[in-house]
PDB file of N, CA and C in Angstrom:
ATOM      1  N   MET A   1       0.793  -1.243  -0.003  1.00  0.00           N
ATOM      2  CA  MET A   1      -0.057  -0.022   0.033  1.00  0.00           C
ATOM      3  C   MET A   1       0.858   1.269  -0.064  1.00  0.00           C
ATOM      4  N   VAL A   2       0.446   2.240  -0.789  1.00  0.00           N
ATOM      5  CA  VAL A   2       1.237   3.423  -0.892  1.00  0.00           C
ATOM      6  C   VAL A   2       0.743   4.597   0.149  1.00  0.00           C
ATOM      7  N   ASP A   3       1.787   5.064   0.766  1.00  0.00           N
ATOM      8  CA  ASP A   3       1.496   6.235   1.786  1.00  0.00           C
ATOM      9  C   ASP A   3       0.918   7.460   1.101  1.00  0.00           C
ATOM     10  N   PRO A   4      -0.077   7.966   1.539  1.00  0.00           N
ATOM     11  CA  PRO A   4      -0.868   9.093   0.796  1.00  0.00           C
ATOM     12  C   PRO A   4       0.103  10.240   0.872  1.00  0.00           C
ATOM     13  N   GLU A   5       0.864  10.562   1.840  1.00  0.00           N
ATOM     14  CA  GLU A   5       1.856  11.586   1.770  1.00  0.00           C
ATOM     15  C   GLU A   5       3.026  11.332   0.810  1.00  0.00           C
ATOM     16  N   GLU A   6       3.436  10.122   0.637  1.00  0.00           N
ATOM     17  CA  GLU A   6       4.488   9.883  -0.320  1.00  0.00           C
ATOM     18  C   GLU A   6       3.882  10.124  -1.741  1.00  0.00           C
ATOM     19  N   ALA A   7       2.605   9.717  -1.995  1.00  0.00           N
ATOM     20  CA  ALA A   7       1.972   9.750  -3.226  1.00  0.00           C
ATOM     21  C   ALA A   7       1.832  11.318  -3.629  1.00  0.00           C
ATOM     22  N   ILE A   8       1.506  12.124  -2.693  1.00  0.00           N
ATOM     23  CA  ILE A   8       1.423  13.538  -2.862  1.00  0.00           C
ATOM     24  C   ILE A   8       2.699  14.237  -3.203  1.00  0.00           C
ATOM     25  N   LYS A   9       3.652  13.824  -2.431  1.00  0.00           N
ATOM     26  CA  LYS A   9       5.055  14.204  -2.806  1.00  0.00           C
ATOM     27  C   LYS A   9       5.609  13.820  -4.077  1.00  0.00           C
ATOM     28  N   ARG A  10       5.249  12.671  -4.497  1.00  0.00           N
ATOM     29  CA  ARG A  10       5.723  12.124  -5.825  1.00  0.00           C
ATOM     30  C   ARG A  10       5.041  13.015  -6.908  1.00  0.00           C
ATOM     31  N   LYS A  11       3.805  13.194  -6.762  1.00  0.00           N
ATOM     32  CA  LYS A  11       2.891  13.901  -7.813  1.00  0.00           C
ATOM     33  C   LYS A  11       3.459  15.310  -7.781  1.00  0.00           C
ATOM     34  N   LEU A  12       3.640  15.939  -6.707  1.00  0.00           N
ATOM     35  CA  LEU A  12       4.214  17.373  -6.604  1.00  0.00           C
ATOM     36  C   LEU A  12       5.502  17.378  -7.338  1.00  0.00           C
ATOM     37  N   ASP A  13       6.477  16.473  -7.097  1.00  0.00           N
ATOM     38  CA  ASP A  13       7.727  16.410  -7.663  1.00  0.00           C
ATOM     39  C   ASP A  13       7.590  16.340  -9.207  1.00  0.00           C
ATOM     40  N   GLU A  14       6.573  15.526  -9.689  1.00  0.00           N
ATOM     41  CA  GLU A  14       6.324  15.321 -11.100  1.00  0.00           C
ATOM     42  C   GLU A  14       5.902  16.828 -11.782  1.00  0.00           C
ATOM     43  N   ILE A  15       5.137  17.518 -11.036  1.00  0.00           N
ATOM     44  CA  ILE A  15       4.502  18.723 -11.615  1.00  0.00           C
ATOM     45  C   ILE A  15       5.546  19.944 -11.492  1.00  0.00           C
ATOM     46  N   VAL A  16       6.060  20.200 -10.309  1.00  0.00           N
ATOM     47  CA  VAL A  16       6.859  21.200  -9.945  1.00  0.00           C
ATOM     48  C   VAL A  16       8.296  20.983 -10.179  1.00  0.00           C
ATOM     49  N   GLY A  17       8.752  19.741  -9.878  1.00  0.00           N
ATOM     50  CA  GLY A  17      10.158  19.499 -10.023  1.00  0.00           C
ATOM     51  C   GLY A  17      10.824  19.399  -8.648  1.00  0.00           C
ATOM     52  N   THR A  18      12.113  18.641  -8.622  1.00  0.00           N
ATOM     53  CA  THR A  18      12.730  18.726  -7.397  1.00  0.00           C
ATOM     54  C   THR A  18      13.794  19.677  -7.297  1.00  0.00           C
ATOM     55  N   GLN A  19      14.195  20.524  -8.266  1.00  0.00           N
ATOM     56  CA  GLN A  19      15.409  21.472  -8.211  1.00  0.00           C
ATOM     57  C   GLN A  19      14.880  22.775  -8.431  1.00  0.00           C
ATOM     58  N   TYR A  20      15.405  23.769  -7.851  1.00  0.00           N
ATOM     59  CA  TYR A  20      15.070  25.017  -8.339  1.00  0.00           C
ATOM     60  C   TYR A  20      16.332  25.975  -8.625  1.00  0.00           C
ATOM     61  N   ASP A  21      16.351  26.850  -9.403  1.00  0.00           N
ATOM     62  CA  ASP A  21      17.564  27.697  -9.705  1.00  0.00           C
ATOM     63  C   ASP A  21      17.698  28.678  -8.622  1.00  0.00           C
ATOM     64  N   SER A  22      18.792  28.758  -8.033  1.00  0.00           N
ATOM     65  CA  SER A  22      19.096  29.732  -6.984  1.00  0.00           C
ATOM     66  C   SER A  22      19.575  31.019  -7.774  1.00  0.00           C
ATOM     67  N   ILE A  23      19.036  32.194  -7.341  1.00  0.00           N
ATOM     68  CA  ILE A  23      19.513  33.414  -8.060  1.00  0.00           C
ATOM     69  C   ILE A  23      20.872  33.830  -7.369  1.00  0.00           C
ATOM     70  N   ASN A  24      21.713  34.279  -8.185  1.00  0.00           N
ATOM     71  CA  ASN A  24      23.042  34.704  -7.729  1.00  0.00           C
ATOM     72  C   ASN A  24      22.857  35.896  -6.894  1.00  0.00           C
ATOM     73  N   ASP A  25      23.529  36.075  -5.804  1.00  0.00           N
ATOM     74  CA  ASP A  25      23.417  37.101  -4.875  1.00  0.00           C
ATOM     75  C   ASP A  25      23.671  38.525  -5.481  1.00  0.00           C
ATOM     76  N   LYS A  26      24.657  38.539  -6.418  1.00  0.00           N
ATOM     77  CA  LYS A  26      24.905  39.838  -6.971  1.00  0.00           C
ATOM     78  C   LYS A  26      23.921  40.270  -8.032  1.00  0.00           C
ATOM     79  N   ILE A  27      23.299  39.319  -8.703  1.00  0.00           N
ATOM     80  CA  ILE A  27      22.239  39.757  -9.463  1.00  0.00           C
ATOM     81  C   ILE A  27      20.945  40.158  -8.878  1.00  0.00           C
ATOM     82  N   ALA A  28      20.663  39.533  -7.741  1.00  0.00           N
ATOM     83  CA  ALA A  28      19.534  39.876  -6.868  1.00  0.00           C
ATOM     84  C   ALA A  28      19.796  41.252  -6.290  1.00  0.00           C
ATOM     85  N   LEU A  29      20.956  41.549  -5.815  1.00  0.00           N
ATOM     86  CA  LEU A  29      21.322  42.927  -5.251  1.00  0.00           C
ATOM     87  C   LEU A  29      21.122  43.892  -6.341  1.00  0.00           C
ATOM     88  N   ARG A  30      21.765  43.674  -7.513  1.00  0.00           N
ATOM     89  CA  ARG A  30      21.703  44.544  -8.628  1.00  0.00           C
ATOM     90  C   ARG A  30      20.243  44.844  -8.957  1.00  0.00           C
ATOM     91  N   LYS A  31      19.308  44.043  -9.062  1.00  0.00           N
ATOM     92  CA  LYS A  31      17.969  44.116  -9.340  1.00  0.00           C
ATOM     93  C   LYS A  31      17.226  44.976  -8.341  1.00  0.00           C
ATOM     94  N   ARG A  32      17.509  44.739  -7.106  1.00  0.00           N
ATOM     95  CA  ARG A  32      17.083  45.486  -5.948  1.00  0.00           C
ATOM     96  C   ARG A  32      17.447  46.966  -5.942  1.00  0.00           C
ATOM     97  N   LEU A  33      18.757  47.237  -6.305  1.00  0.00           N
ATOM     98  CA  LEU A  33      19.298  48.449  -6.449  1.00  0.00           C
ATOM     99  C   LEU A  33      18.726  49.246  -7.512  1.00  0.00           C
ATOM    100  N   VAL A  34      18.472  48.534  -8.713  1.00  0.00           N
ATOM    101  CA  VAL A  34      17.902  49.224  -9.794  1.00  0.00           C
ATOM    102  C   VAL A  34      16.391  49.549  -9.532  1.00  0.00           C
ATOM    103  N   LYS A  35      15.651  48.841  -8.757  1.00  0.00           N
ATOM    104  CA  LYS A  35      14.378  49.201  -8.436  1.00  0.00           C
ATOM    105  C   LYS A  35      14.364  50.357  -7.404  1.00  0.00           C
ATOM    106  N   TRP A  36      15.347  50.432  -6.387  1.00  0.00           N
ATOM    107  CA  TRP A  36      15.374  51.472  -5.619  1.00  0.00           C
ATOM    108  C   TRP A  36      15.644  52.803  -6.338  1.00  0.00           C
ATOM    109  N   PHE A  37      16.662  52.742  -7.137  1.00  0.00           N
ATOM    110  CA  PHE A  37      17.087  53.872  -7.906  1.00  0.00           C
ATOM    111  C   PHE A  37      15.904  54.405  -8.820  1.00  0.00           C
ATOM    112  N   ALA A  38      15.246  53.566  -9.365  1.00  0.00           N
ATOM    113  CA  ALA A  38      14.048  53.900 -10.330  1.00  0.00           C
ATOM    114  C   ALA A  38      12.955  54.560  -9.406  1.00  0.00           C
ATOM    115  N   GLY A  39      12.788  54.061  -8.233  1.00  0.00           N
ATOM    116  CA  GLY A  39      11.668  54.600  -7.300  1.00  0.00           C
ATOM    117  C   GLY A  39      12.132  55.951  -6.881  1.00  0.00           C
ATOM    118  N   ALA A  40      13.511  56.172  -6.512  1.00  0.00           N
ATOM    119  CA  ALA A  40      13.845  57.517  -6.036  1.00  0.00           C
ATOM    120  C   ALA A  40      13.764  58.488  -7.203  1.00  0.00           C
ATOM    121  N   ILE A  41      14.176  57.995  -8.384  1.00  0.00           N
ATOM    122  CA  ILE A  41      14.150  59.020  -9.670  1.00  0.00           C
ATOM    123  C   ILE A  41      12.651  59.416  -9.888  1.00  0.00           C
ATOM    124  N   PHE A  42      11.809  58.323  -9.705  1.00  0.00           N
ATOM    125  CA  PHE A  42      10.365  58.714 -10.009  1.00  0.00           C
ATOM    126  C   PHE A  42       9.819  59.608  -8.869  1.00  0.00           C
ATOM    127  N   ALA A  43      10.275  59.456  -7.657  1.00  0.00           N
ATOM    128  CA  ALA A  43       9.756  60.289  -6.583  1.00  0.00           C
ATOM    129  C   ALA A  43      10.320  61.722  -6.817  1.00  0.00           C
ATOM    130  N   ILE A  44      11.472  61.974  -7.231  1.00  0.00           N
ATOM    131  CA  ILE A  44      12.051  63.281  -7.468  1.00  0.00           C
ATOM    132  C   ILE A  44      11.353  63.837  -8.652  1.00  0.00           C
ATOM    133  N   ALA A  45      11.026  63.133  -9.626  1.00  0.00           N
ATOM    134  CA  ALA A  45      10.333  63.655 -10.851  1.00  0.00           C
ATOM    135  C   ALA A  45       8.821  64.010 -10.405  1.00  0.00           C
ATOM    136  N   ALA A  46       8.282  63.386  -9.578  1.00  0.00           N
ATOM    137  CA  ALA A  46       6.889  63.598  -9.144  1.00  0.00           C
ATOM    138  C   ALA A  46       6.808  64.780  -8.385  1.00  0.00           C
ATOM    139  N   VAL A  47       7.752  64.970  -7.421  1.00  0.00           N
ATOM    140  CA  VAL A  47       7.850  66.257  -6.651  1.00  0.00           C
ATOM    141  C   VAL A  47       8.207  67.404  -7.488  1.00  0.00           C
ATOM    142  N   SER A  48       9.064  67.339  -8.592  1.00  0.00           N
ATOM    143  CA  SER A  48       9.397  68.350  -9.417  1.00  0.00           C
ATOM    144  C   SER A  48       8.115  68.821 -10.200  1.00  0.00           C
ATOM    145  N   VAL A  49       7.344  67.920 -10.642  1.00  0.00           N
ATOM    146  CA  VAL A  49       6.111  68.183 -11.408  1.00  0.00           C
ATOM    147  C   VAL A  49       5.204  68.924 -10.463  1.00  0.00           C
ATOM    148  N   ILE A  50       5.052  68.405  -9.264  1.00  0.00           N
ATOM    149  CA  ILE A  50       4.053  69.232  -8.378  1.00  0.00           C
ATOM    150  C   ILE A  50       4.513  70.584  -8.090  1.00  0.00           C
ATOM    151  N   VAL A  51       5.765  70.774  -7.752  1.00  0.00           N
ATOM    152  CA  VAL A  51       6.389  72.236  -7.577  1.00  0.00           C
ATOM    153  C   VAL A  51       6.192  72.969  -8.771  1.00  0.00           C
ATOM    154  N   TYR A  52       6.368  72.482  -9.900  1.00  0.00           N
ATOM    155  CA  TYR A  52       6.359  73.198 -11.360  1.00  0.00           C
ATOM    156  C   TYR A  52       4.785  73.706 -11.473  1.00  0.00           C
ATOM    157  N   VAL A  53       3.821  72.778 -11.294  1.00  0.00           N
ATOM    158  CA  VAL A  53       2.445  73.114 -11.448  1.00  0.00           C
ATOM    159  C   VAL A  53       2.020  74.216 -10.371  1.00  0.00           C
ATOM    160  N   ILE A  54       2.504  74.097  -9.088  1.00  0.00           N
ATOM    161  CA  ILE A  54       2.130  75.062  -8.025  1.00  0.00           C
ATOM    162  C   ILE A  54       2.730  76.447  -8.411  1.00  0.00           C
ATOM    163  N   GLU A  55       4.026  76.462  -8.788  1.00  0.00           N
ATOM    164  CA  GLU A  55       4.776  77.735  -9.088  1.00  0.00           C
ATOM    165  C   GLU A  55       4.214  78.295 -10.395  1.00  0.00           C
ATOM    166  N   SER A  56       3.717  77.578 -11.293  1.00  0.00           N
ATOM    167  CA  SER A  56       3.291  78.213 -12.567  1.00  0.00           C
ATOM    168  C   SER A  56       1.800  78.793 -12.401  1.00  0.00           C
ATOM    169  N   HIS A  57       1.108  78.346 -11.365  1.00  0.00           N
ATOM    170  CA  HIS A  57      -0.163  78.908 -11.197  1.00  0.00           C
ATOM    171  C   HIS A  57      -0.329  79.951 -10.044  1.00  0.00           C
ATOM    172  N   ARG A  58       0.899  80.420  -9.559  1.00  0.00           N
ATOM    173  CA  ARG A  58       0.985  81.568  -8.611  1.00  0.00           C
ATOM    174  C   ARG A  58       0.923  82.900  -9.357  1.00  0.00           C
ATOM    175  N   LEU A  59       0.327  83.823  -8.734  1.00  0.00           N
ATOM    176  CA  LEU A  59       0.300  85.174  -9.251  1.00  0.00           C
ATOM    177  C   LEU A  59       1.746  85.877  -9.251  1.00  0.00           C
ATOM    178  N   PRO A  60       1.951  86.610 -10.263  1.00  0.00           N
ATOM    179  CA  PRO A  60       3.233  87.288 -10.147  1.00  0.00           C
ATOM    180  C   PRO A  60       3.145  88.316  -9.099  1.00  0.00           C
ATOM    181  N   ARG A  61       4.340  88.809  -8.631  1.00  0.00           N
ATOM    182  CA  ARG A  61       4.349  89.721  -7.453  1.00  0.00           C
ATOM    183  C   ARG A  61       3.957  91.164  -7.831  1.00  0.00           C
ATOM    184  N   ASP A  62       4.087  91.488  -9.022  1.00  0.00           N
ATOM    185  CA  ASP A  62       3.712  92.935  -9.499  1.00  0.00           C
ATOM    186  C   ASP A  62       2.156  92.889  -9.664  1.00  0.00           C
ATOM    187  N   VAL A  63       1.385  91.949  -9.765  1.00  0.00           N
ATOM    188  CA  VAL A  63      -0.085  92.000  -9.971  1.00  0.00           C
ATOM    189  C   VAL A  63      -0.678  92.062  -8.571  1.00  0.00           C
ATOM    190  N   PRO A  64      -1.355  93.157  -8.224  1.00  0.00           N
ATOM    191  CA  PRO A  64      -1.956  93.219  -6.844  1.00  0.00           C
ATOM    192  C   PRO A  64      -3.085  92.170  -6.718  1.00  0.00           C
ATOM    193  N   PRO A  65      -3.439  91.856  -5.614  1.00  0.00           N
ATOM    194  CA  PRO A  65      -4.659  91.030  -5.485  1.00  0.00           C
ATOM    195  C   PRO A  65      -5.956  91.852  -5.685  1.00  0.00           C
ATOM    196  N   ARG A  66      -6.969  91.162  -6.021  1.00  0.00           N
ATOM    197  CA  ARG A  66      -8.322  91.678  -6.299  1.00  0.00           C
ATOM    198  C   ARG A  66      -8.666  92.374  -5.049  1.00  0.00           C
ATOM    199  N   ALA A  67      -9.344  93.710  -5.154  1.00  0.00           N
ATOM    200  CA  ALA A  67      -9.899  94.387  -4.060  1.00  0.00           C
ATOM    201  C   ALA A  67     -11.059  93.766  -3.537  1.00  0.00           C
ATOM    202  N   ALA A  68     -11.318  93.633  -2.275  1.00  0.00           N
ATOM    203  CA  ALA A  68     -12.505  92.893  -1.676  1.00  0.00           C
ATOM    204  C   ALA A  68     -13.558  93.834  -1.782  1.00  0.00           C
ATOM    205  N   LYS A  69     -14.803  93.389  -2.035  1.00  0.00           N
ATOM    206  CA  LYS A  69     -15.899  94.171  -2.207  1.00  0.00           C
ATOM    207  C   LYS A  69     -16.248  94.583  -0.546  1.00  0.00           C
ATOM    208  N   PRO A  70     -16.714  95.892  -0.480  1.00  0.00           N
ATOM    209  CA  PRO A  70     -17.052  96.273   0.953  1.00  0.00           C
ATOM    210  C   PRO A  70     -18.446  95.454   1.369  1.00  0.00           C
ATOM    211  N   VAL A  71     -18.458  95.282   2.499  1.00  0.00           N
ATOM    212  CA  VAL A  71     -19.593  94.596   3.146  1.00  0.00           C
ATOM    213  C   VAL A  71     -20.445  95.599   3.870  1.00  0.00           C
ATOM    214  N   VAL A  72     -21.637  95.843   3.435  1.00  0.00           N
ATOM    215  CA  VAL A  72     -22.680  96.820   4.039  1.00  0.00           C
ATOM    216  C   VAL A  72     -23.428  96.080   5.071  1.00  0.00           C
ATOM    217  N   ILE A  73     -23.273  96.687   6.305  1.00  0.00           N
ATOM    218  CA  ILE A  73     -24.051  96.166   7.432  1.00  0.00           C
ATOM    219  C   ILE A  73     -25.138  97.194   7.859  1.00  0.00           C
ATOM    220  N   GLN A  74     -26.452  96.810   7.805  1.00  0.00           N
ATOM    221  CA  GLN A  74     -27.472  97.775   8.293  1.00  0.00           C
ATOM    222  C   GLN A  74     -27.987  97.417   9.616  1.00  0.00           C
ATOM    223  N   ILE A  75     -27.913  98.220  10.518  1.00  0.00           N
ATOM    224  CA  ILE A  75     -28.397  97.963  11.922  1.00  0.00           C
ATOM    225  C   ILE A  75     -29.754  98.499  11.990  1.00  0.00           C
ATOM    226  N   VAL A  76     -30.714  97.595  12.289  1.00  0.00           N
ATOM    227  CA  VAL A  76     -32.113  97.932  12.404  1.00  0.00           C
ATOM    228  C   VAL A  76     -32.504  97.980  13.774  1.00  0.00           C
ATOM    229  N   PRO A  77     -32.920  99.007  14.365  1.00  0.00           N
ATOM    230  CA  PRO A  77     -33.344  99.051  15.816  1.00  0.00           C
ATOM    231  C   PRO A  77     -34.547  98.167  16.087  1.00  0.00           C
ATOM    232  N   THR A  78     -34.719  97.618  17.171  1.00  0.00           N
ATOM    233  CA  THR A  78     -35.901  96.870  17.417  1.00  0.00           C
ATOM    234  C   THR A  78     -36.662  97.568  18.414  1.00  0.00           C
ATOM    235  N   THR A  79     -37.884  97.208  18.507  1.00  0.00           N
ATOM    236  CA  THR A  79     -38.813  97.790  19.592  1.00  0.00           C
ATOM    237  C   THR A  79     -38.329  97.226  20.988  1.00  0.00           C
ATOM    238  N   PRO A  80     -38.515  98.146  21.985  1.00  0.00           N
ATOM    239  CA  PRO A  80     -38.048  97.666  23.294  1.00  0.00           C
ATOM    240  C   PRO A  80     -38.936  96.593  23.897  1.00  0.00           C
ATOM    241  N   ARG A  81     -38.532  95.690  24.670  1.00  0.00           N
ATOM    242  CA  ARG A  81     -39.347  94.726  25.213  1.00  0.00           C
ATOM    243  C   ARG A  81     -40.118  95.291  26.512  1.00  0.00           C
ATOM    244  N   SER A  82     -41.181  94.853  26.637  1.00  0.00           N
ATOM    245  CA  SER A  82     -41.902  95.267  27.987  1.00  0.00           C
ATOM    246  C   SER A  82     -41.653  94.201  29.006  1.00  0.00           C
ATOM    247  N   PRO A  83     -41.469  94.703  30.365  1.00  0.00           N
ATOM    248  CA  PRO A  83     -40.958  93.708  31.283  1.00  0.00           C
ATOM    249  C   PRO A  83     -42.294  92.929  31.783  1.00  0.00           C
TER     250      PRO A  83
END
């Protein structure tokens, strides 16, 4: 009689295999460094675009801000209350 665990292991070995290719440490480190540098460059580019958009939409210093409209307040007297 075949052990169920052994049968599962044998079937898994047929499908997946018994060996795997280990990645060279230098290649893995290089891939990680490339990802980090790409992320840093992307972050710097994103911040640069945000600063450029904000600065391009600011008003120049020689243009005065719009004058605020005056607010008219009308005080209406009320009738005195009786005690």
